[in-house]
PDB file of N, CA and C in Angstrom:
ATOM      1  N   UNK A   1      88.726  84.602 123.883  1.00  0.00           N
ATOM      2  CA  UNK A   1      88.754  86.259 124.184  1.00  0.00           C
ATOM      3  C   UNK A   1      88.832  86.697 125.239  1.00  0.00           C
ATOM      4  N   UNK A   2      89.940  85.996 125.817  1.00  0.00           N
ATOM      5  CA  UNK A   2      90.306  86.195 127.348  1.00  0.00           C
ATOM      6  C   UNK A   2      91.389  87.519 127.178  1.00  0.00           C
ATOM      7  N   UNK A   3      90.728  88.603 128.239  1.00  0.00           N
ATOM      8  CA  UNK A   3      91.579  89.556 128.660  1.00  0.00           C
ATOM      9  C   UNK A   3      91.287  90.700 127.489  1.00  0.00           C
ATOM     10  N   UNK A   4      89.947  90.228 126.513  1.00  0.00           N
ATOM     11  CA  UNK A   4      89.688  90.981 125.230  1.00  0.00           C
ATOM     12  C   UNK A   4      88.149  91.696 125.442  1.00  0.00           C
ATOM     13  N   UNK A   5      87.500  92.824 124.804  1.00  0.00           N
ATOM     14  CA  UNK A   5      86.491  93.224 124.441  1.00  0.00           C
ATOM     15  C   UNK A   5      86.711  93.630 122.971  1.00  0.00           C
ATOM     16  N   UNK A   6      85.503  92.870 122.535  1.00  0.00           N
ATOM     17  CA  UNK A   6      84.738  92.934 121.058  1.00  0.00           C
ATOM     18  C   UNK A   6      83.799  93.438 121.135  1.00  0.00           C
ATOM     19  N   UNK A   7      83.372  94.668 121.070  1.00  0.00           N
ATOM     20  CA  UNK A   7      81.550  95.749 120.240  1.00  0.00           C
ATOM     21  C   UNK A   7      81.427  95.651 118.835  1.00  0.00           C
ATOM     22  N   UNK A   8      80.490  95.728 118.892  1.00  0.00           N
ATOM     23  CA  UNK A   8      79.887  96.171 117.507  1.00  0.00           C
ATOM     24  C   UNK A   8      78.836  97.166 117.809  1.00  0.00           C
ATOM     25  N   UNK A   9      78.793  98.248 117.625  1.00  0.00           N
ATOM     26  CA  UNK A   9      77.840  99.149 117.763  1.00  0.00           C
ATOM     27  C   UNK A   9      77.622  99.023 116.064  1.00  0.00           C
ATOM     28  N   UNK A  10      76.002  99.367 116.355  1.00  0.00           N
ATOM     29  CA  UNK A  10      74.759  99.532 114.608  1.00  0.00           C
ATOM     30  C   UNK A  10      74.147 100.840 115.289  1.00  0.00           C
ATOM     31  N   UNK A  11      74.246 101.927 114.393  1.00  0.00           N
ATOM     32  CA  UNK A  11      73.916 103.132 114.773  1.00  0.00           C
ATOM     33  C   UNK A  11      73.292 103.504 113.470  1.00  0.00           C
ATOM     34  N   UNK A  12      72.180 104.372 113.505  1.00  0.00           N
ATOM     35  CA  UNK A  12      71.753 105.185 112.570  1.00  0.00           C
ATOM     36  C   UNK A  12      71.847 106.045 112.381  1.00  0.00           C
ATOM     37  N   UNK A  13      71.319 106.832 110.969  1.00  0.00           N
ATOM     38  CA  UNK A  13      71.889 108.133 110.733  1.00  0.00           C
ATOM     39  C   UNK A  13      71.391 108.771 109.588  1.00  0.00           C
ATOM     40  N   UNK A  14      70.963 109.892 109.684  1.00  0.00           N
ATOM     41  CA  UNK A  14      69.496 110.643 108.438  1.00  0.00           C
ATOM     42  C   UNK A  14      70.941 110.870 107.346  1.00  0.00           C
ATOM     43  N   UNK A  15      70.750 110.101 106.123  1.00  0.00           N
ATOM     44  CA  UNK A  15      71.760 109.985 105.179  1.00  0.00           C
ATOM     45  C   UNK A  15      72.342 111.817 104.618  1.00  0.00           C
ATOM     46  N   UNK A  16      71.801 112.801 104.848  1.00  0.00           N
ATOM     47  CA  UNK A  16      71.972 113.882 104.739  1.00  0.00           C
ATOM     48  C   UNK A  16      72.913 114.589 106.229  1.00  0.00           C
ATOM     49  N   UNK A  17      72.993 113.806 106.823  1.00  0.00           N
ATOM     50  CA  UNK A  17      73.947 114.126 107.738  1.00  0.00           C
ATOM     51  C   UNK A  17      75.220 112.826 107.452  1.00  0.00           C
ATOM     52  N   UNK A  18      75.890 112.121 107.009  1.00  0.00           N
ATOM     53  CA  UNK A  18      76.665 111.315 106.946  1.00  0.00           C
ATOM     54  C   UNK A  18      78.042 112.168 106.612  1.00  0.00           C
ATOM     55  N   UNK A  19      77.777 113.290 105.833  1.00  0.00           N
ATOM     56  CA  UNK A  19      79.409 113.547 105.737  1.00  0.00           C
ATOM     57  C   UNK A  19      79.563 114.525 106.544  1.00  0.00           C
ATOM     58  N   UNK A  20      78.754 115.230 107.886  1.00  0.00           N
ATOM     59  CA  UNK A  20      79.094 115.626 108.898  1.00  0.00           C
ATOM     60  C   UNK A  20      80.088 114.771 109.605  1.00  0.00           C
ATOM     61  N   UNK A  21      78.617 114.103 109.573  1.00  0.00           N
ATOM     62  CA  UNK A  21      79.282 112.190 110.318  1.00  0.00           C
ATOM     63  C   UNK A  21      80.794 111.964 110.151  1.00  0.00           C
ATOM     64  N   UNK A  22      80.886 111.682 109.024  1.00  0.00           N
ATOM     65  CA  UNK A  22      82.186 111.277 108.439  1.00  0.00           C
ATOM     66  C   UNK A  22      83.247 112.229 108.930  1.00  0.00           C
ATOM     67  N   UNK A  23      83.114 113.139 108.803  1.00  0.00           N
ATOM     68  CA  UNK A  23      83.977 114.252 109.044  1.00  0.00           C
ATOM     69  C   UNK A  23      84.466 114.290 110.719  1.00  0.00           C
ATOM     70  N   UNK A  24      83.588 114.262 111.514  1.00  0.00           N
ATOM     71  CA  UNK A  24      83.659 114.284 112.585  1.00  0.00           C
ATOM     72  C   UNK A  24      84.335 112.866 112.891  1.00  0.00           C
ATOM     73  N   UNK A  25      84.393 111.721 112.473  1.00  0.00           N
ATOM     74  CA  UNK A  25      84.494 110.735 112.995  1.00  0.00           C
ATOM     75  C   UNK A  25      86.105 110.140 112.454  1.00  0.00           C
ATOM     76  N   UNK A  26      86.845 111.401 111.696  1.00  0.00           N
ATOM     77  CA  UNK A  26      88.124 111.274 111.333  1.00  0.00           C
ATOM     78  C   UNK A  26      89.207 111.643 112.906  1.00  0.00           C
ATOM     79  N   UNK A  27      89.069 113.083 113.206  1.00  0.00           N
ATOM     80  CA  UNK A  27      89.262 113.021 114.385  1.00  0.00           C
ATOM     81  C   UNK A  27      89.175 111.926 115.457  1.00  0.00           C
ATOM     82  N   UNK A  28      88.408 111.432 115.773  1.00  0.00           N
ATOM     83  CA  UNK A  28      88.001 110.457 116.777  1.00  0.00           C
ATOM     84  C   UNK A  28      88.932 108.874 116.313  1.00  0.00           C
ATOM     85  N   UNK A  29      88.803 108.886 115.249  1.00  0.00           N
ATOM     86  CA  UNK A  29      89.705 107.337 114.747  1.00  0.00           C
ATOM     87  C   UNK A  29      91.280 108.058 114.712  1.00  0.00           C
ATOM     88  N   UNK A  30      91.530 109.267 114.213  1.00  0.00           N
ATOM     89  CA  UNK A  30      93.172 109.518 114.815  1.00  0.00           C
ATOM     90  C   UNK A  30      93.576 109.314 116.328  1.00  0.00           C
ATOM     91  N   UNK A  31      92.838 109.959 117.117  1.00  0.00           N
ATOM     92  CA  UNK A  31      93.214 110.002 118.502  1.00  0.00           C
ATOM     93  C   UNK A  31      92.808 108.366 119.021  1.00  0.00           C
ATOM     94  N   UNK A  32      92.266 107.247 118.567  1.00  0.00           N
ATOM     95  CA  UNK A  32      91.745 106.309 119.253  1.00  0.00           C
ATOM     96  C   UNK A  32      93.198 105.175 118.124  1.00  0.00           C
ATOM     97  N   UNK A  33      93.542 105.851 117.276  1.00  0.00           N
ATOM     98  CA  UNK A  33      94.899 105.249 116.772  1.00  0.00           C
ATOM     99  C   UNK A  33      96.023 105.202 117.956  1.00  0.00           C
ATOM    100  N   UNK A  34      96.050 106.308 118.987  1.00  0.00           N
ATOM    101  CA  UNK A  34      97.051 106.434 119.622  1.00  0.00           C
ATOM    102  C   UNK A  34      96.750 105.651 120.942  1.00  0.00           C
ATOM    103  N   UNK A  35      96.009 104.834 121.118  1.00  0.00           N
ATOM    104  CA  UNK A  35      95.610 104.273 122.069  1.00  0.00           C
ATOM    105  C   UNK A  35      96.154 103.093 122.297  1.00  0.00           C
ATOM    106  N   UNK A  36      97.603 102.514 123.021  1.00  0.00           N
ATOM    107  CA  UNK A  36      98.164 101.401 122.902  1.00  0.00           C
ATOM    108  C   UNK A  36      96.907  99.975 123.487  1.00  0.00           C
ATOM    109  N   UNK A  37      96.004 100.208 123.811  1.00  0.00           N
ATOM    110  CA  UNK A  37      94.920  98.837 124.023  1.00  0.00           C
ATOM    111  C   UNK A  37      94.351  98.721 123.003  1.00  0.00           C
ATOM    112  N   UNK A  38      93.524  99.617 122.023  1.00  0.00           N
ATOM    113  CA  UNK A  38      92.806  99.152 120.716  1.00  0.00           C
ATOM    114  C   UNK A  38      93.361  98.857 120.168  1.00  0.00           C
ATOM    115  N   UNK A  39      92.858  97.701 119.090  1.00  0.00           N
ATOM    116  CA  UNK A  39      93.631  97.112 118.255  1.00  0.00           C
ATOM    117  C   UNK A  39      92.975  96.783 117.302  1.00  0.00           C
ATOM    118  N   UNK A  40      91.410  97.182 117.285  1.00  0.00           N
ATOM    119  CA  UNK A  40      90.585  97.388 116.249  1.00  0.00           C
ATOM    120  C   UNK A  40      89.940  98.673 116.533  1.00  0.00           C
ATOM    121  N   UNK A  41      89.611  99.263 115.553  1.00  0.00           N
ATOM    122  CA  UNK A  41      88.614 100.466 115.734  1.00  0.00           C
ATOM    123  C   UNK A  41      88.225 101.135 114.476  1.00  0.00           C
ATOM    124  N   UNK A  42      86.739 100.218 113.573  1.00  0.00           N
ATOM    125  CA  UNK A  42      86.522 100.706 111.751  1.00  0.00           C
ATOM    126  C   UNK A  42      85.106 100.365 112.348  1.00  0.00           C
ATOM    127  N   UNK A  43      85.243 102.122 111.501  1.00  0.00           N
ATOM    128  CA  UNK A  43      83.475 102.466 110.908  1.00  0.00           C
ATOM    129  C   UNK A  43      83.306 101.581 109.385  1.00  0.00           C
ATOM    130  N   UNK A  44      82.248 100.925 109.255  1.00  0.00           N
ATOM    131  CA  UNK A  44      81.571 100.658 107.983  1.00  0.00           C
ATOM    132  C   UNK A  44      80.052 101.305 108.008  1.00  0.00           C
ATOM    133  N   UNK A  45      79.677 101.222 106.400  1.00  0.00           N
ATOM    134  CA  UNK A  45      78.385 102.162 106.423  1.00  0.00           C
ATOM    135  C   UNK A  45      77.840 101.244 105.046  1.00  0.00           C
ATOM    136  N   UNK A  46      76.216 101.293 105.060  1.00  0.00           N
ATOM    137  CA  UNK A  46      75.566 100.741 104.278  1.00  0.00           C
ATOM    138  C   UNK A  46      75.566 101.565 103.258  1.00  0.00           C
ATOM    139  N   UNK A  47      75.008 101.243 102.015  1.00  0.00           N
ATOM    140  CA  UNK A  47      74.692 101.321 100.725  1.00  0.00           C
ATOM    141  C   UNK A  47      74.317 103.426 100.788  1.00  0.00           C
ATOM    142  N   UNK A  48      73.069 103.330 101.210  1.00  0.00           N
ATOM    143  CA  UNK A  48      72.506 104.167 101.769  1.00  0.00           C
ATOM    144  C   UNK A  48      72.554 105.331 102.660  1.00  0.00           C
ATOM    145  N   UNK A  49      73.834 104.833 103.522  1.00  0.00           N
ATOM    146  CA  UNK A  49      74.436 105.536 104.290  1.00  0.00           C
ATOM    147  C   UNK A  49      73.241 106.091 105.388  1.00  0.00           C
ATOM    148  N   UNK A  50      72.255 104.812 105.620  1.00  0.00           N
ATOM    149  CA  UNK A  50      71.038 105.116 106.646  1.00  0.00           C
ATOM    150  C   UNK A  50      71.918 104.016 108.294  1.00  0.00           C
ATOM    151  N   UNK A  51      72.870 103.320 108.259  1.00  0.00           N
ATOM    152  CA  UNK A  51      73.510 102.637 108.880  1.00  0.00           C
ATOM    153  C   UNK A  51      74.908 102.458 108.659  1.00  0.00           C
ATOM    154  N   UNK A  52      75.394 102.728 110.220  1.00  0.00           N
ATOM    155  CA  UNK A  52      76.937 102.532 110.293  1.00  0.00           C
ATOM    156  C   UNK A  52      76.825 101.379 111.593  1.00  0.00           C
ATOM    157  N   UNK A  53      78.017 100.993 111.503  1.00  0.00           N
ATOM    158  CA  UNK A  53      78.849 100.108 112.476  1.00  0.00           C
ATOM    159  C   UNK A  53      79.741 100.080 112.589  1.00  0.00           C
ATOM    160  N   UNK A  54      80.576 100.109 113.870  1.00  0.00           N
ATOM    161  CA  UNK A  54      81.511 100.539 114.528  1.00  0.00           C
ATOM    162  C   UNK A  54      81.986  99.185 114.982  1.00  0.00           C
ATOM    163  N   UNK A  55      83.117  98.901 114.453  1.00  0.00           N
ATOM    164  CA  UNK A  55      83.656  97.893 115.043  1.00  0.00           C
ATOM    165  C   UNK A  55      84.766  97.777 116.184  1.00  0.00           C
ATOM    166  N   UNK A  56      84.997  97.434 117.219  1.00  0.00           N
ATOM    167  CA  UNK A  56      85.768  97.748 118.491  1.00  0.00           C
ATOM    168  C   UNK A  56      86.413  96.596 118.885  1.00  0.00           C
ATOM    169  N   UNK A  57      87.965  96.316 118.903  1.00  0.00           N
ATOM    170  CA  UNK A  57      88.306  95.596 119.810  1.00  0.00           C
ATOM    171  C   UNK A  57      89.452  96.550 120.721  1.00  0.00           C
ATOM    172  N   UNK A  58      89.380  95.773 122.067  1.00  0.00           N
ATOM    173  CA  UNK A  58      90.047  96.366 123.091  1.00  0.00           C
ATOM    174  C   UNK A  58      91.039  95.414 124.040  1.00  0.00           C
ATOM    175  N   UNK A  59      92.212  95.526 124.340  1.00  0.00           N
ATOM    176  CA  UNK A  59      92.566  94.721 125.230  1.00  0.00           C
ATOM    177  C   UNK A  59      91.487  95.060 126.723  1.00  0.00           C
ATOM    178  N   UNK A  60      91.112  94.650 127.362  1.00  0.00           N
ATOM    179  CA  UNK A  60      90.131  94.653 128.562  1.00  0.00           C
ATOM    180  C   UNK A  60      90.268  96.505 129.208  1.00  0.00           C
ATOM    181  N   UNK A  61      91.616  96.571 129.633  1.00  0.00           N
ATOM    182  CA  UNK A  61      92.225  97.798 130.090  1.00  0.00           C
ATOM    183  C   UNK A  61      92.200  98.827 129.269  1.00  0.00           C
ATOM    184  N   UNK A  62      91.860  98.453 128.027  1.00  0.00           N
ATOM    185  CA  UNK A  62      92.162  99.935 127.067  1.00  0.00           C
ATOM    186  C   UNK A  62      90.444 100.559 127.091  1.00  0.00           C
ATOM    187  N   UNK A  63      89.573  99.857 127.257  1.00  0.00           N
ATOM    188  CA  UNK A  63      87.958 100.118 126.921  1.00  0.00           C
ATOM    189  C   UNK A  63      87.632 101.572 127.422  1.00  0.00           C
ATOM    190  N   UNK A  64      87.752 101.385 128.558  1.00  0.00           N
ATOM    191  CA  UNK A  64      86.869 102.412 129.737  1.00  0.00           C
ATOM    192  C   UNK A  64      87.991 103.854 129.247  1.00  0.00           C
ATOM    193  N   UNK A  65      89.427 103.823 128.999  1.00  0.00           N
ATOM    194  CA  UNK A  65      90.380 104.965 129.002  1.00  0.00           C
ATOM    195  C   UNK A  65      89.887 105.691 127.430  1.00  0.00           C
ATOM    196  N   UNK A  66      89.471 104.523 126.569  1.00  0.00           N
ATOM    197  CA  UNK A  66      89.064 104.624 125.229  1.00  0.00           C
ATOM    198  C   UNK A  66      87.460 105.640 125.534  1.00  0.00           C
ATOM    199  N   UNK A  67      86.517 105.497 125.990  1.00  0.00           N
ATOM    200  CA  UNK A  67      84.833 106.015 126.587  1.00  0.00           C
ATOM    201  C   UNK A  67      85.285 107.028 127.231  1.00  0.00           C
ATOM    202  N   UNK A  68      86.111 107.357 128.211  1.00  0.00           N
ATOM    203  CA  UNK A  68      85.830 108.226 129.190  1.00  0.00           C
ATOM    204  C   UNK A  68      86.682 109.447 128.361  1.00  0.00           C
ATOM    205  N   UNK A  69      88.024 108.800 127.945  1.00  0.00           N
ATOM    206  CA  UNK A  69      88.632 109.984 127.508  1.00  0.00           C
ATOM    207  C   UNK A  69      89.040 110.366 125.830  1.00  0.00           C
ATOM    208  N   UNK A  70      88.838 109.365 125.288  1.00  0.00           N
ATOM    209  CA  UNK A  70      89.318 109.665 123.960  1.00  0.00           C
ATOM    210  C   UNK A  70      87.708 110.306 123.443  1.00  0.00           C
ATOM    211  N   UNK A  71      86.798 109.196 123.826  1.00  0.00           N
ATOM    212  CA  UNK A  71      85.113 109.790 123.100  1.00  0.00           C
ATOM    213  C   UNK A  71      84.672 110.792 123.827  1.00  0.00           C
ATOM    214  N   UNK A  72      84.934 111.352 124.802  1.00  0.00           N
ATOM    215  CA  UNK A  72      84.148 112.139 125.312  1.00  0.00           C
ATOM    216  C   UNK A  72      83.902 112.944 125.048  1.00  0.00           C
ATOM    217  N   UNK A  73      85.396 113.990 124.542  1.00  0.00           N
ATOM    218  CA  UNK A  73      84.769 115.448 123.988  1.00  0.00           C
ATOM    219  C   UNK A  73      83.930 115.180 122.668  1.00  0.00           C
ATOM    220  N   UNK A  74      84.119 114.367 121.935  1.00  0.00           N
ATOM    221  CA  UNK A  74      83.239 114.059 120.945  1.00  0.00           C
ATOM    222  C   UNK A  74      81.766 113.331 121.041  1.00  0.00           C
ATOM    223  N   UNK A  75      81.408 113.207 122.383  1.00  0.00           N
ATOM    224  CA  UNK A  75      80.046 112.455 122.504  1.00  0.00           C
ATOM    225  C   UNK A  75      78.839 113.246 122.083  1.00  0.00           C
ATOM    226  N   UNK A  76      78.807 114.707 122.445  1.00  0.00           N
ATOM    227  CA  UNK A  76      77.793 115.239 122.499  1.00  0.00           C
ATOM    228  C   UNK A  76      77.555 115.303 120.861  1.00  0.00           C
ATOM    229  N   UNK A  77      78.124 116.087 120.143  1.00  0.00           N
ATOM    230  CA  UNK A  77      78.244 115.912 118.850  1.00  0.00           C
ATOM    231  C   UNK A  77      78.116 114.305 117.852  1.00  0.00           C
ATOM    232  N   UNK A  78      78.888 113.688 118.451  1.00  0.00           N
ATOM    233  CA  UNK A  78      78.297 111.612 117.581  1.00  0.00           C
ATOM    234  C   UNK A  78      76.857 111.788 118.153  1.00  0.00           C
ATOM    235  N   UNK A  79      76.355 112.038 119.142  1.00  0.00           N
ATOM    236  CA  UNK A  79      75.184 111.564 119.584  1.00  0.00           C
ATOM    237  C   UNK A  79      74.073 112.439 118.862  1.00  0.00           C
ATOM    238  N   UNK A  80      74.679 113.408 118.128  1.00  0.00           N
ATOM    239  CA  UNK A  80      73.526 114.357 117.523  1.00  0.00           C
ATOM    240  C   UNK A  80      73.070 113.783 116.282  1.00  0.00           C
ATOM    241  N   UNK A  81      74.598 113.578 115.481  1.00  0.00           N
ATOM    242  CA  UNK A  81      74.071 113.126 114.343  1.00  0.00           C
ATOM    243  C   UNK A  81      73.788 111.401 113.984  1.00  0.00           C
ATOM    244  N   UNK A  82      74.163 110.443 114.996  1.00  0.00           N
ATOM    245  CA  UNK A  82      73.481 109.370 115.127  1.00  0.00           C
ATOM    246  C   UNK A  82      73.104 108.715 116.119  1.00  0.00           C
ATOM    247  N   UNK A  83      72.419 107.849 116.017  1.00  0.00           N
ATOM    248  CA  UNK A  83      71.946 107.101 117.010  1.00  0.00           C
ATOM    249  C   UNK A  83      72.109 105.491 116.932  1.00  0.00           C
ATOM    250  N   UNK A  84      72.846 105.642 118.967  1.00  0.00           N
ATOM    251  CA  UNK A  84      72.693 103.594 119.008  1.00  0.00           C
ATOM    252  C   UNK A  84      71.602 103.032 119.103  1.00  0.00           C
ATOM    253  N   UNK A  85      71.192 102.173 117.856  1.00  0.00           N
ATOM    254  CA  UNK A  85      70.051 101.317 117.902  1.00  0.00           C
ATOM    255  C   UNK A  85      70.816 100.017 118.735  1.00  0.00           C
ATOM    256  N   UNK A  86      71.778  99.468 118.621  1.00  0.00           N
ATOM    257  CA  UNK A  86      72.095  98.460 119.103  1.00  0.00           C
ATOM    258  C   UNK A  86      73.812  98.376 119.789  1.00  0.00           C
ATOM    259  N   UNK A  87      74.303  97.824 120.956  1.00  0.00           N
ATOM    260  CA  UNK A  87      75.350  97.481 121.248  1.00  0.00           C
ATOM    261  C   UNK A  87      75.586  96.133 121.601  1.00  0.00           C
ATOM    262  N   UNK A  88      76.153  95.473 121.137  1.00  0.00           N
ATOM    263  CA  UNK A  88      76.671  94.564 121.229  1.00  0.00           C
ATOM    264  C   UNK A  88      78.241  94.143 121.531  1.00  0.00           C
ATOM    265  N   UNK A  89      78.285  93.370 122.552  1.00  0.00           N
ATOM    266  CA  UNK A  89      79.909  93.135 123.795  1.00  0.00           C
ATOM    267  C   UNK A  89      80.120  91.879 123.948  1.00  0.00           C
ATOM    268  N   UNK A  90      81.066  91.578 123.596  1.00  0.00           N
ATOM    269  CA  UNK A  90      81.888  90.276 123.710  1.00  0.00           C
ATOM    270  C   UNK A  90      83.148  90.294 124.138  1.00  0.00           C
ATOM    271  N   UNK A  91      82.964  89.644 125.246  1.00  0.00           N
ATOM    272  CA  UNK A  91      84.474  89.283 126.019  1.00  0.00           C
ATOM    273  C   UNK A  91      84.504  89.066 127.517  1.00  0.00           C
ATOM    274  N   UNK A  92      85.784  89.905 127.918  1.00  0.00           N
ATOM    275  CA  UNK A  92      86.073  89.675 129.527  1.00  0.00           C
ATOM    276  C   UNK A  92      85.515  91.206 129.936  1.00  0.00           C
ATOM    277  N   UNK A  93      84.047  91.209 130.463  1.00  0.00           N
ATOM    278  CA  UNK A  93      84.128  92.543 130.932  1.00  0.00           C
ATOM    279  C   UNK A  93      84.040  92.638 132.487  1.00  0.00           C
ATOM    280  N   UNK A  94      84.381  93.940 132.457  1.00  0.00           N
ATOM    281  CA  UNK A  94      84.012  93.783 134.121  1.00  0.00           C
ATOM    282  C   UNK A  94      82.941  95.146 134.803  1.00  0.00           C
ATOM    283  N   UNK A  95      82.693  94.610 136.189  1.00  0.00           N
ATOM    284  CA  UNK A  95      81.355  95.858 136.813  1.00  0.00           C
ATOM    285  C   UNK A  95      81.321  97.455 136.441  1.00  0.00           C
ATOM    286  N   UNK A  96      82.534  97.646 136.030  1.00  0.00           N
ATOM    287  CA  UNK A  96      82.807  99.181 135.992  1.00  0.00           C
ATOM    288  C   UNK A  96      82.690  99.499 134.591  1.00  0.00           C
ATOM    289  N   UNK A  97      83.399  98.492 133.540  1.00  0.00           N
ATOM    290  CA  UNK A  97      82.701  98.326 132.105  1.00  0.00           C
ATOM    291  C   UNK A  97      81.441  98.116 132.141  1.00  0.00           C
ATOM    292  N   UNK A  98      80.660  97.729 132.309  1.00  0.00           N
ATOM    293  CA  UNK A  98      79.331  97.155 132.203  1.00  0.00           C
ATOM    294  C   UNK A  98      78.383  98.469 133.030  1.00  0.00           C
ATOM    295  N   UNK A  99      79.027  99.106 133.899  1.00  0.00           N
ATOM    296  CA  UNK A  99      78.233 100.303 134.322  1.00  0.00           C
ATOM    297  C   UNK A  99      78.268 101.440 133.452  1.00  0.00           C
ATOM    298  N   UNK A 100      79.455 101.550 132.550  1.00  0.00           N
ATOM    299  CA  UNK A 100      79.517 102.551 131.488  1.00  0.00           C
ATOM    300  C   UNK A 100      78.600 101.976 130.290  1.00  0.00           C
ATOM    301  N   UNK A 101      78.838 100.906 129.913  1.00  0.00           N
ATOM    302  CA  UNK A 101      78.291 100.622 128.642  1.00  0.00           C
ATOM    303  C   UNK A 101      76.672 100.005 128.700  1.00  0.00           C
ATOM    304  N   UNK A 102      76.249 100.273 130.119  1.00  0.00           N
ATOM    305  CA  UNK A 102      74.944  99.827 130.231  1.00  0.00           C
ATOM    306  C   UNK A 102      74.271 101.557 129.523  1.00  0.00           C
ATOM    307  N   UNK A 103      74.737 102.171 129.484  1.00  0.00           N
ATOM    308  CA  UNK A 103      74.431 103.699 129.481  1.00  0.00           C
ATOM    309  C   UNK A 103      74.384 103.989 127.825  1.00  0.00           C
ATOM    310  N   UNK A 104      74.412 102.760 127.178  1.00  0.00           N
ATOM    311  CA  UNK A 104      74.534 102.287 125.883  1.00  0.00           C
ATOM    312  C   UNK A 104      73.570 101.475 125.030  1.00  0.00           C
ATOM    313  N   UNK A 105      73.183 101.086 126.017  1.00  0.00           N
ATOM    314  CA  UNK A 105      72.020  99.945 126.158  1.00  0.00           C
ATOM    315  C   UNK A 105      72.645  98.428 125.503  1.00  0.00           C
ATOM    316  N   UNK A 106      73.983  98.255 125.924  1.00  0.00           N
ATOM    317  CA  UNK A 106      74.636  97.108 125.634  1.00  0.00           C
ATOM    318  C   UNK A 106      73.869  96.081 126.314  1.00  0.00           C
ATOM    319  N   UNK A 107      74.139  94.860 124.869  1.00  0.00           N
ATOM    320  CA  UNK A 107      73.820  93.352 125.283  1.00  0.00           C
ATOM    321  C   UNK A 107      74.884  92.698 125.383  1.00  0.00           C
ATOM    322  N   UNK A 108      75.190  91.734 126.304  1.00  0.00           N
ATOM    323  CA  UNK A 108      76.609  91.557 126.670  1.00  0.00           C
ATOM    324  C   UNK A 108      76.084  89.820 126.226  1.00  0.00           C
ATOM    325  N   UNK A 109      77.428  89.174 125.762  1.00  0.00           N
ATOM    326  CA  UNK A 109      76.975  88.172 125.190  1.00  0.00           C
ATOM    327  C   UNK A 109      78.738  86.913 125.564  1.00  0.00           C
ATOM    328  N   UNK A 110      78.511  86.059 125.929  1.00  0.00           N
ATOM    329  CA  UNK A 110      79.713  85.319 126.336  1.00  0.00           C
ATOM    330  C   UNK A 110      80.636  84.363 125.197  1.00  0.00           C
ATOM    331  N   UNK A 111      81.344  84.036 125.092  1.00  0.00           N
ATOM    332  CA  UNK A 111      81.992  82.871 124.025  1.00  0.00           C
ATOM    333  C   UNK A 111      82.156  81.822 125.055  1.00  0.00           C
ATOM    334  N   UNK A 112      81.551  80.566 124.271  1.00  0.00           N
ATOM    335  CA  UNK A 112      81.200  79.633 124.375  1.00  0.00           C
ATOM    336  C   UNK A 112      82.127  78.216 123.815  1.00  0.00           C
ATOM    337  N   UNK A 113      82.821  78.680 122.933  1.00  0.00           N
ATOM    338  CA  UNK A 113      83.111  78.037 121.987  1.00  0.00           C
ATOM    339  C   UNK A 113      84.230  78.434 120.434  1.00  0.00           C
ATOM    340  N   UNK A 114      85.143  78.196 120.334  1.00  0.00           N
ATOM    341  CA  UNK A 114      85.806  78.562 119.221  1.00  0.00           C
ATOM    342  C   UNK A 114      86.765  79.060 119.361  1.00  0.00           C
ATOM    343  N   UNK A 115      87.698  80.049 118.224  1.00  0.00           N
ATOM    344  CA  UNK A 115      89.368  79.945 118.267  1.00  0.00           C
ATOM    345  C   UNK A 115      89.134  81.111 117.762  1.00  0.00           C
ATOM    346  N   UNK A 116      90.595  82.053 118.217  1.00  0.00           N
ATOM    347  CA  UNK A 116      91.361  83.639 117.613  1.00  0.00           C
ATOM    348  C   UNK A 116      92.596  83.437 117.042  1.00  0.00           C
ATOM    349  N   UNK A 117      93.288  83.211 115.901  1.00  0.00           N
ATOM    350  CA  UNK A 117      94.356  83.431 115.925  1.00  0.00           C
ATOM    351  C   UNK A 117      95.136  85.029 116.376  1.00  0.00           C
TER     352      UNK A 117
END
């Protein structure tokens, strides 16, 4: 995980809000797909539409621009539709990244064994 950050957001959502949430996510994904330092950005949902995970992977330099520029215009509406229950962050964080992600209740984990291809 050198010079990379992975994160998994666990969100709760009211099933009746899922349609509006799914609609909101489409332009967020489209904007994020244009970020050169975002390598994975995927939303997944459980069968009853009460839990959503966002799986993200960035080159370390790409995380703050995503949060501060791409996500910010959508943040207020996003957070009305979904509640961030947990945020797990893996990889090379900086004090600036931690200051930003701490606001989402981030839990930081450090790799100690394994590999990525």
